[in-house]
Amino acid sequence: MTNTEKIANAKKRIDELERLIKYWNDSENDESKILNFSLKINNKVA
């Protein structure tokens, strides 16, 4: 494998990791929104 191929593969892996990190960050924000929403409902019912 040439250095150019190694660099291309490394860039692909980095892009995949960046997409995963973005996905995880977005899903954590969605979970916190859902949690806050359910807590607001519980406070109104109680």
C-alpha atoms as a PDB file:
ATOM      1  CA  MET A   1       0.000   0.000   0.000  1.00  0.00           C
ATOM      2  CA  THR A   2       1.445   3.365  -0.973  1.00  0.00           C
ATOM      3  CA  ASN A   3       1.575   6.407   1.254  1.00  0.00           C
ATOM      4  CA  THR A   4      -1.118   8.054  -0.866  1.00  0.00           C
ATOM      5  CA  GLU A   5      -3.468   5.109  -0.306  1.00  0.00           C
ATOM      6  CA  LYS A   6      -2.738   5.123   3.429  1.00  0.00           C
ATOM      7  CA  ILE A   7      -3.542   8.835   3.621  1.00  0.00           C
ATOM      8  CA  ALA A   8      -6.771   8.359   1.645  1.00  0.00           C
ATOM      9  CA  ASN A   9      -7.871   5.539   3.973  1.00  0.00           C
ATOM     10  CA  ALA A  10      -7.007   7.605   7.035  1.00  0.00           C
ATOM     11  CA  LYS A  11      -9.079  10.529   5.721  1.00  0.00           C
ATOM     12  CA  LYS A  12     -12.034   8.184   5.159  1.00  0.00           C
ATOM     13  CA  ARG A  13     -11.764   6.905   8.734  1.00  0.00           C
ATOM     14  CA  ILE A  14     -11.526  10.443  10.101  1.00  0.00           C
ATOM     15  CA  ASP A  15     -14.633  11.464   8.139  1.00  0.00           C
ATOM     16  CA  GLU A  16     -16.525   8.453   9.481  1.00  0.00           C
ATOM     17  CA  LEU A  17     -15.498   9.250  13.044  1.00  0.00           C
ATOM     18  CA  GLU A  18     -16.518  12.885  12.660  1.00  0.00           C
ATOM     19  CA  ARG A  19     -19.938  11.784  11.388  1.00  0.00           C
ATOM     20  CA  LEU A  20     -20.335   9.415  14.336  1.00  0.00           C
ATOM     21  CA  ILE A  21     -19.355  12.134  16.813  1.00  0.00           C
ATOM     22  CA  LYS A  22     -21.862  14.528  15.240  1.00  0.00           C
ATOM     23  CA  TYR A  23     -24.567  11.844  15.362  1.00  0.00           C
ATOM     24  CA  TRP A  24     -23.844  11.082  19.029  1.00  0.00           C
ATOM     25  CA  ASN A  25     -23.884  14.772  19.948  1.00  0.00           C
ATOM     26  CA  ASP A  26     -27.182  15.270  18.127  1.00  0.00           C
ATOM     27  CA  SER A  27     -28.744  12.210  19.765  1.00  0.00           C
ATOM     28  CA  GLU A  28     -27.645  13.380  23.232  1.00  0.00           C
ATOM     29  CA  ASN A  29     -29.311  16.742  22.605  1.00  0.00           C
ATOM     30  CA  ASP A  30     -32.494  15.011  21.433  1.00  0.00           C
ATOM     31  CA  GLU A  31     -32.564  12.826  24.559  1.00  0.00           C
ATOM     32  CA  SER A  32     -32.177  15.840  26.833  1.00  0.00           C
ATOM     33  CA  LYS A  33     -35.032  17.611  25.027  1.00  0.00           C
ATOM     34  CA  ILE A  34     -37.244  14.553  25.460  1.00  0.00           C
ATOM     35  CA  LEU A  35     -36.259  14.285  29.120  1.00  0.00           C
ATOM     36  CA  ASN A  36     -37.039  17.944  29.795  1.00  0.00           C
ATOM     37  CA  PHE A  37     -40.374  17.589  28.031  1.00  0.00           C
ATOM     38  CA  SER A  38     -41.387  14.584  30.116  1.00  0.00           C
ATOM     39  CA  LEU A  39     -40.311  16.324  33.317  1.00  0.00           C
ATOM     40  CA  LYS A  40     -42.504  19.313  32.461  1.00  0.00           C
ATOM     41  CA  ILE A  41     -45.480  17.010  31.940  1.00  0.00           C
ATOM     42  CA  ASN A  42     -44.886  15.269  35.273  1.00  0.00           C
ATOM     43  CA  ASN A  43     -44.715  18.602  37.082  1.00  0.00           C
ATOM     44  CA  LYS A  44     -48.061  19.701  35.636  1.00  0.00           C
ATOM     45  CA  VAL A  45     -49.764  16.424  36.533  1.00  0.00           C
ATOM     46  CA  ALA A  46     -48.469  16.459  40.103  1.00  0.00           C
END
